[in-house]
Amino acid sequence: MLRMKTECEQCKTKLARKSVAYICSFECTYCKSCSEKLHFSCKNCQGALVLRPPRLIEPFKVPASELKNTLFS
């Protein structure tokens, strides 16, 4: 499950769960403006930045030990 970081790694702008944001495969998170300035390439790993899926509601409170069973049952 994505961590859904709450601020841009570059400019420290606050990002809500439903804000437009871009992430790399390591979940480095950038706002739209910084992603464009970086040409959609992560400054940390040089990986591609892709649109982060929005999370419109709070994640379910599921203990980590039960998470896989809940997702794949």
PDB file of N, CA and C in Angstrom:
ATOM      1  N   MET A   1       0.837  -1.166   0.000  1.00  0.00           N
ATOM      2  CA  MET A   1       0.000   0.000   0.000  1.00  0.00           C
ATOM      3  C   MET A   1       0.890   1.241   0.000  1.00  0.00           C
ATOM      4  N   LEU A   2       0.558   2.221  -0.822  1.00  0.00           N
ATOM      5  CA  LEU A   2       1.340   3.449  -0.896  1.00  0.00           C
ATOM      6  C   LEU A   2       1.277   4.221   0.418  1.00  0.00           C
ATOM      7  N   ARG A   3       2.375   4.869   0.761  1.00  0.00           N
ATOM      8  CA  ARG A   3       2.438   5.649   1.998  1.00  0.00           C
ATOM      9  C   ARG A   3       1.695   6.975   1.880  1.00  0.00           C
ATOM     10  N   MET A   4       1.513   7.469   0.670  1.00  0.00           N
ATOM     11  CA  MET A   4       0.811   8.739   0.449  1.00  0.00           C
ATOM     12  C   MET A   4       1.461   9.886   1.247  1.00  0.00           C
ATOM     13  N   LYS A   5       2.702  10.185   0.906  1.00  0.00           N
ATOM     14  CA  LYS A   5       3.432  11.253   1.588  1.00  0.00           C
ATOM     15  C   LYS A   5       2.677  12.569   1.456  1.00  0.00           C
ATOM     16  N   THR A   6       2.836  13.418   2.438  1.00  0.00           N
ATOM     17  CA  THR A   6       2.025  14.636   2.523  1.00  0.00           C
ATOM     18  C   THR A   6       2.742  15.914   2.105  1.00  0.00           C
ATOM     19  N   GLU A   7       3.959  15.793   1.592  1.00  0.00           N
ATOM     20  CA  GLU A   7       4.628  17.004   1.085  1.00  0.00           C
ATOM     21  C   GLU A   7       5.575  16.662  -0.057  1.00  0.00           C
ATOM     22  N   CYS A   8       5.780  17.654  -0.907  1.00  0.00           N
ATOM     23  CA  CYS A   8       6.674  17.519  -2.053  1.00  0.00           C
ATOM     24  C   CYS A   8       8.121  17.437  -1.565  1.00  0.00           C
ATOM     25  N   GLU A   9       8.881  16.504  -2.129  1.00  0.00           N
ATOM     26  CA  GLU A   9      10.289  16.333  -1.746  1.00  0.00           C
ATOM     27  C   GLU A   9      11.152  17.526  -2.149  1.00  0.00           C
ATOM     28  N   GLN A  10      10.738  18.251  -3.173  1.00  0.00           N
ATOM     29  CA  GLN A  10      11.532  19.351  -3.716  1.00  0.00           C
ATOM     30  C   GLN A  10      11.228  20.680  -3.010  1.00  0.00           C
ATOM     31  N   CYS A  11       9.949  21.068  -2.996  1.00  0.00           N
ATOM     32  CA  CYS A  11       9.585  22.412  -2.506  1.00  0.00           C
ATOM     33  C   CYS A  11       8.847  22.407  -1.175  1.00  0.00           C
ATOM     34  N   LYS A  12       8.557  21.217  -0.651  1.00  0.00           N
ATOM     35  CA  LYS A  12       7.892  21.051   0.648  1.00  0.00           C
ATOM     36  C   LYS A  12       6.439  21.530   0.667  1.00  0.00           C
ATOM     37  N   THR A  13       5.825  21.691  -0.511  1.00  0.00           N
ATOM     38  CA  THR A  13       4.404  22.029  -0.590  1.00  0.00           C
ATOM     39  C   THR A  13       3.592  20.906   0.026  1.00  0.00           C
ATOM     40  N   LYS A  14       2.570  21.261   0.794  1.00  0.00           N
ATOM     41  CA  LYS A  14       1.692  20.261   1.398  1.00  0.00           C
ATOM     42  C   LYS A  14       0.837  19.603   0.322  1.00  0.00           C
ATOM     43  N   LEU A  15       0.696  18.280   0.403  1.00  0.00           N
ATOM     44  CA  LEU A  15      -0.087  17.508  -0.556  1.00  0.00           C
ATOM     45  C   LEU A  15      -1.160  16.724   0.188  1.00  0.00           C
ATOM     46  N   ALA A  16      -2.413  16.980  -0.145  1.00  0.00           N
ATOM     47  CA  ALA A  16      -3.512  16.220   0.440  1.00  0.00           C
ATOM     48  C   ALA A  16      -3.608  14.863  -0.250  1.00  0.00           C
ATOM     49  N   ARG A  17      -4.386  13.959   0.336  1.00  0.00           N
ATOM     50  CA  ARG A  17      -4.544  12.624  -0.257  1.00  0.00           C
ATOM     51  C   ARG A  17      -5.071  12.698  -1.679  1.00  0.00           C
ATOM     52  N   LYS A  18      -5.923  13.674  -1.969  1.00  0.00           N
ATOM     53  CA  LYS A  18      -6.492  13.759  -3.310  1.00  0.00           C
ATOM     54  C   LYS A  18      -5.796  14.794  -4.198  1.00  0.00           C
ATOM     55  N   SER A  19      -4.667  15.345  -3.750  1.00  0.00           N
ATOM     56  CA  SER A  19      -3.900  16.290  -4.557  1.00  0.00           C
ATOM     57  C   SER A  19      -3.230  15.577  -5.727  1.00  0.00           C
ATOM     58  N   VAL A  20      -3.036  16.312  -6.815  1.00  0.00           N
ATOM     59  CA  VAL A  20      -2.257  15.781  -7.931  1.00  0.00           C
ATOM     60  C   VAL A  20      -0.802  15.731  -7.480  1.00  0.00           C
ATOM     61  N   ALA A  21      -0.206  14.557  -7.578  1.00  0.00           N
ATOM     62  CA  ALA A  21       1.195  14.378  -7.191  1.00  0.00           C
ATOM     63  C   ALA A  21       1.793  13.281  -8.067  1.00  0.00           C
ATOM     64  N   TYR A  22       3.102  13.277  -8.149  1.00  0.00           N
ATOM     65  CA  TYR A  22       3.819  12.290  -8.952  1.00  0.00           C
ATOM     66  C   TYR A  22       4.784  11.534  -8.045  1.00  0.00           C
ATOM     67  N   ILE A  23       4.961  10.237  -8.318  1.00  0.00           N
ATOM     68  CA  ILE A  23       5.838   9.395  -7.515  1.00  0.00           C
ATOM     69  C   ILE A  23       6.741   8.551  -8.413  1.00  0.00           C
ATOM     70  N   CYS A  24       7.889   8.141  -7.850  1.00  0.00           N
ATOM     71  CA  CYS A  24       8.752   7.169  -8.532  1.00  0.00           C
ATOM     72  C   CYS A  24       8.507   5.809  -7.904  1.00  0.00           C
ATOM     73  N   SER A  25       9.227   4.795  -8.336  1.00  0.00           N
ATOM     74  CA  SER A  25       9.014   3.446  -7.810  1.00  0.00           C
ATOM     75  C   SER A  25       9.425   3.312  -6.342  1.00  0.00           C
ATOM     76  N   PHE A  26      10.200   4.266  -5.831  1.00  0.00           N
ATOM     77  CA  PHE A  26      10.583   4.263  -4.415  1.00  0.00           C
ATOM     78  C   PHE A  26       9.658   5.158  -3.593  1.00  0.00           C
ATOM     79  N   GLU A  27       8.610   5.676  -4.205  1.00  0.00           N
ATOM     80  CA  GLU A  27       7.601   6.540  -3.587  1.00  0.00           C
ATOM     81  C   GLU A  27       8.123   7.928  -3.201  1.00  0.00           C
ATOM     82  N   CYS A  28       9.203   8.371  -3.850  1.00  0.00           N
ATOM     83  CA  CYS A  28       9.564   9.781  -3.708  1.00  0.00           C
ATOM     84  C   CYS A  28       8.393  10.543  -4.310  1.00  0.00           C
ATOM     85  N   THR A  29       7.975  11.613  -3.675  1.00  0.00           N
ATOM     86  CA  THR A  29       6.734  12.295  -4.043  1.00  0.00           C
ATOM     87  C   THR A  29       7.001  13.754  -4.384  1.00  0.00           C
ATOM     88  N   TYR A  30       6.426  14.198  -5.502  1.00  0.00           N
ATOM     89  CA  TYR A  30       6.615  15.573  -5.971  1.00  0.00           C
ATOM     90  C   TYR A  30       5.281  16.185  -6.378  1.00  0.00           C
ATOM     91  N   CYS A  31       5.148  17.482  -6.200  1.00  0.00           N
ATOM     92  CA  CYS A  31       3.966  18.192  -6.685  1.00  0.00           C
ATOM     93  C   CYS A  31       4.040  18.281  -8.214  1.00  0.00           C
ATOM     94  N   LYS A  32       2.956  18.687  -8.824  1.00  0.00           N
ATOM     95  CA  LYS A  32       2.897  18.763 -10.285  1.00  0.00           C
ATOM     96  C   LYS A  32       3.954  19.723 -10.829  1.00  0.00           C
ATOM     97  N   SER A  33       4.081  20.886 -10.210  1.00  0.00           N
ATOM     98  CA  SER A  33       5.022  21.902 -10.682  1.00  0.00           C
ATOM     99  C   SER A  33       6.474  21.397 -10.650  1.00  0.00           C
ATOM    100  N   CYS A  34       6.871  20.798  -9.543  1.00  0.00           N
ATOM    101  CA  CYS A  34       8.247  20.290  -9.437  1.00  0.00           C
ATOM    102  C   CYS A  34       8.479  19.123 -10.381  1.00  0.00           C
ATOM    103  N   SER A  35       7.474  18.263 -10.553  1.00  0.00           N
ATOM    104  CA  SER A  35       7.600  17.139 -11.486  1.00  0.00           C
ATOM    105  C   SER A  35       7.876  17.636 -12.897  1.00  0.00           C
ATOM    106  N   GLU A  36       7.160  18.684 -13.294  1.00  0.00           N
ATOM    107  CA  GLU A  36       7.371  19.267 -14.622  1.00  0.00           C
ATOM    108  C   GLU A  36       8.773  19.849 -14.740  1.00  0.00           C
ATOM    109  N   LYS A  37       9.229  20.568 -13.695  1.00  0.00           N
ATOM    110  CA  LYS A  37      10.569  21.156 -13.709  1.00  0.00           C
ATOM    111  C   LYS A  37      11.656  20.084 -13.783  1.00  0.00           C
ATOM    112  N   LEU A  38      11.385  18.918 -13.186  1.00  0.00           N
ATOM    113  CA  LEU A  38      12.344  17.810 -13.203  1.00  0.00           C
ATOM    114  C   LEU A  38      12.182  16.930 -14.434  1.00  0.00           C
ATOM    115  N   HIS A  39      11.307  17.338 -15.356  1.00  0.00           N
ATOM    116  CA  HIS A  39      11.026  16.586 -16.588  1.00  0.00           C
ATOM    117  C   HIS A  39      10.579  15.158 -16.264  1.00  0.00           C
ATOM    118  N   PHE A  40       9.788  15.040 -15.180  1.00  0.00           N
ATOM    119  CA  PHE A  40       9.201  13.764 -14.750  1.00  0.00           C
ATOM    120  C   PHE A  40      10.254  12.686 -14.522  1.00  0.00           C
ATOM    121  N   SER A  41      11.399  13.107 -13.954  1.00  0.00           N
ATOM    122  CA  SER A  41      12.482  12.192 -13.596  1.00  0.00           C
ATOM    123  C   SER A  41      12.859  12.462 -12.137  1.00  0.00           C
ATOM    124  N   CYS A  42      12.850  11.434 -11.300  1.00  0.00           N
ATOM    125  CA  CYS A  42      13.131  11.587  -9.871  1.00  0.00           C
ATOM    126  C   CYS A  42      14.563  12.074  -9.646  1.00  0.00           C
ATOM    127  N   LYS A  43      14.719  13.102  -8.810  1.00  0.00           N
ATOM    128  CA  LYS A  43      16.060  13.630  -8.539  1.00  0.00           C
ATOM    129  C   LYS A  43      16.896  12.682  -7.689  1.00  0.00           C
ATOM    130  N   ASN A  44      16.237  11.743  -6.989  1.00  0.00           N
ATOM    131  CA  ASN A  44      16.962  10.813  -6.113  1.00  0.00           C
ATOM    132  C   ASN A  44      17.448   9.566  -6.846  1.00  0.00           C
ATOM    133  N   CYS A  45      16.581   8.976  -7.666  1.00  0.00           N
ATOM    134  CA  CYS A  45      16.937   7.698  -8.312  1.00  0.00           C
ATOM    135  C   CYS A  45      16.935   7.777  -9.840  1.00  0.00           C
ATOM    136  N   GLN A  46      16.576   8.922 -10.393  1.00  0.00           N
ATOM    137  CA  GLN A  46      16.477   9.151 -11.837  1.00  0.00           C
ATOM    138  C   GLN A  46      15.404   8.277 -12.502  1.00  0.00           C
ATOM    139  N   GLY A  47      14.536   7.678 -11.692  1.00  0.00           N
ATOM    140  CA  GLY A  47      13.424   6.888 -12.228  1.00  0.00           C
ATOM    141  C   GLY A  47      12.311   7.787 -12.737  1.00  0.00           C
ATOM    142  N   ALA A  48      11.405   7.206 -13.494  1.00  0.00           N
ATOM    143  CA  ALA A  48      10.274   7.952 -14.046  1.00  0.00           C
ATOM    144  C   ALA A  48       9.305   8.353 -12.940  1.00  0.00           C
ATOM    145  N   LEU A  49       8.791   9.568 -13.038  1.00  0.00           N
ATOM    146  CA  LEU A  49       7.730  10.019 -12.142  1.00  0.00           C
ATOM    147  C   LEU A  49       6.396   9.798 -12.836  1.00  0.00           C
ATOM    148  N   VAL A  50       5.505   9.105 -12.152  1.00  0.00           N
ATOM    149  CA  VAL A  50       4.179   8.813 -12.695  1.00  0.00           C
ATOM    150  C   VAL A  50       3.120   9.385 -11.760  1.00  0.00           C
ATOM    151  N   LEU A  51       1.947   9.619 -12.306  1.00  0.00           N
ATOM    152  CA  LEU A  51       0.846  10.177 -11.534  1.00  0.00           C
ATOM    153  C   LEU A  51       0.494   9.257 -10.369  1.00  0.00           C
ATOM    154  N   ARG A  52       0.462   9.833  -9.176  1.00  0.00           N
ATOM    155  CA  ARG A  52       0.086   9.070  -7.988  1.00  0.00           C
ATOM    156  C   ARG A  52      -1.428   8.895  -7.972  1.00  0.00           C
ATOM    157  N   PRO A  53      -1.905   7.689  -7.706  1.00  0.00           N
ATOM    158  CA  PRO A  53      -3.356   7.518  -7.646  1.00  0.00           C
ATOM    159  C   PRO A  53      -3.922   8.271  -6.448  1.00  0.00           C
ATOM    160  N   PRO A  54      -5.085   8.897  -6.605  1.00  0.00           N
ATOM    161  CA  PRO A  54      -5.671   9.617  -5.466  1.00  0.00           C
ATOM    162  C   PRO A  54      -6.245   8.636  -4.454  1.00  0.00           C
ATOM    163  N   ARG A  55      -6.206   9.014  -3.210  1.00  0.00           N
ATOM    164  CA  ARG A  55      -6.865   8.227  -2.160  1.00  0.00           C
ATOM    165  C   ARG A  55      -7.923   9.145  -1.558  1.00  0.00           C
ATOM    166  N   LEU A  56      -9.160   8.854  -1.863  1.00  0.00           N
ATOM    167  CA  LEU A  56     -10.249   9.738  -1.481  1.00  0.00           C
ATOM    168  C   LEU A  56     -10.766   9.496  -0.072  1.00  0.00           C
ATOM    169  N   ILE A  57     -10.504   8.320   0.481  1.00  0.00           N
ATOM    170  CA  ILE A  57     -10.942   8.017   1.838  1.00  0.00           C
ATOM    171  C   ILE A  57      -9.759   7.504   2.641  1.00  0.00           C
ATOM    172  N   GLU A  58      -9.914   7.481   3.956  1.00  0.00           N
ATOM    173  CA  GLU A  58      -8.867   6.952   4.823  1.00  0.00           C
ATOM    174  C   GLU A  58      -8.715   5.454   4.589  1.00  0.00           C
ATOM    175  N   PRO A  59      -7.496   4.943   4.647  1.00  0.00           N
ATOM    176  CA  PRO A  59      -7.321   3.491   4.515  1.00  0.00           C
ATOM    177  C   PRO A  59      -7.988   2.781   5.684  1.00  0.00           C
ATOM    178  N   PHE A  60      -8.391   1.572   5.428  1.00  0.00           N
ATOM    179  CA  PHE A  60      -9.003   0.767   6.482  1.00  0.00           C
ATOM    180  C   PHE A  60      -7.981   0.484   7.566  1.00  0.00           C
ATOM    181  N   LYS A  61      -8.452   0.398   8.771  1.00  0.00           N
ATOM    182  CA  LYS A  61      -7.579   0.074   9.901  1.00  0.00           C
ATOM    183  C   LYS A  61      -7.454  -1.443   9.993  1.00  0.00           C
ATOM    184  N   VAL A  62      -6.489  -1.989   9.264  1.00  0.00           N
ATOM    185  CA  VAL A  62      -6.269  -3.432   9.235  1.00  0.00           C
ATOM    186  C   VAL A  62      -4.880  -3.709   9.799  1.00  0.00           C
ATOM    187  N   PRO A  63      -4.773  -4.610  10.782  1.00  0.00           N
ATOM    188  CA  PRO A  63      -3.438  -4.953  11.298  1.00  0.00           C
ATOM    189  C   PRO A  63      -2.552  -5.485  10.164  1.00  0.00           C
ATOM    190  N   ALA A  64      -1.289  -5.128  10.199  1.00  0.00           N
ATOM    191  CA  ALA A  64      -0.351  -5.534   9.141  1.00  0.00           C
ATOM    192  C   ALA A  64      -0.356  -7.042   8.919  1.00  0.00           C
ATOM    193  N   SER A  65      -0.509  -7.806   9.975  1.00  0.00           N
ATOM    194  CA  SER A  65      -0.491  -9.265   9.843  1.00  0.00           C
ATOM    195  C   SER A  65      -1.684  -9.786   9.046  1.00  0.00           C
ATOM    196  N   GLU A  66      -2.753  -9.007   8.964  1.00  0.00           N
ATOM    197  CA  GLU A  66      -3.956  -9.433   8.254  1.00  0.00           C
ATOM    198  C   GLU A  66      -4.122  -8.741   6.900  1.00  0.00           C
ATOM    199  N   LEU A  67      -3.248  -7.811   6.583  1.00  0.00           N
ATOM    200  CA  LEU A  67      -3.408  -7.006   5.371  1.00  0.00           C
ATOM    201  C   LEU A  67      -3.455  -7.853   4.109  1.00  0.00           C
ATOM    202  N   LYS A  68      -2.502  -8.762   3.920  1.00  0.00           N
ATOM    203  CA  LYS A  68      -2.455  -9.572   2.718  1.00  0.00           C
ATOM    204  C   LYS A  68      -3.716 -10.422   2.589  1.00  0.00           C
ATOM    205  N   ASN A  69      -4.165 -11.023   3.686  1.00  0.00           N
ATOM    206  CA  ASN A  69      -5.380 -11.838   3.647  1.00  0.00           C
ATOM    207  C   ASN A  69      -6.591 -10.990   3.262  1.00  0.00           C
ATOM    208  N   THR A  70      -6.650  -9.765   3.743  1.00  0.00           N
ATOM    209  CA  THR A  70      -7.775  -8.884   3.452  1.00  0.00           C
ATOM    210  C   THR A  70      -7.766  -8.481   1.979  1.00  0.00           C
ATOM    211  N   LEU A  71      -6.592  -8.183   1.435  1.00  0.00           N
ATOM    212  CA  LEU A  71      -6.498  -7.724   0.060  1.00  0.00           C
ATOM    213  C   LEU A  71      -6.752  -8.833  -0.947  1.00  0.00           C
ATOM    214  N   PHE A  72      -6.343 -10.047  -0.635  1.00  0.00           N
ATOM    215  CA  PHE A  72      -6.408 -11.124  -1.611  1.00  0.00           C
ATOM    216  C   PHE A  72      -7.455 -12.198  -1.304  1.00  0.00           C
ATOM    217  N   SER A  73      -8.385 -11.910  -0.407  1.00  0.00           N
ATOM    218  CA  SER A  73      -9.410 -12.913  -0.091  1.00  0.00           C
ATOM    219  C   SER A  73     -10.626 -12.749  -0.978  1.00  0.00           C
TER     220      SER A  73
END
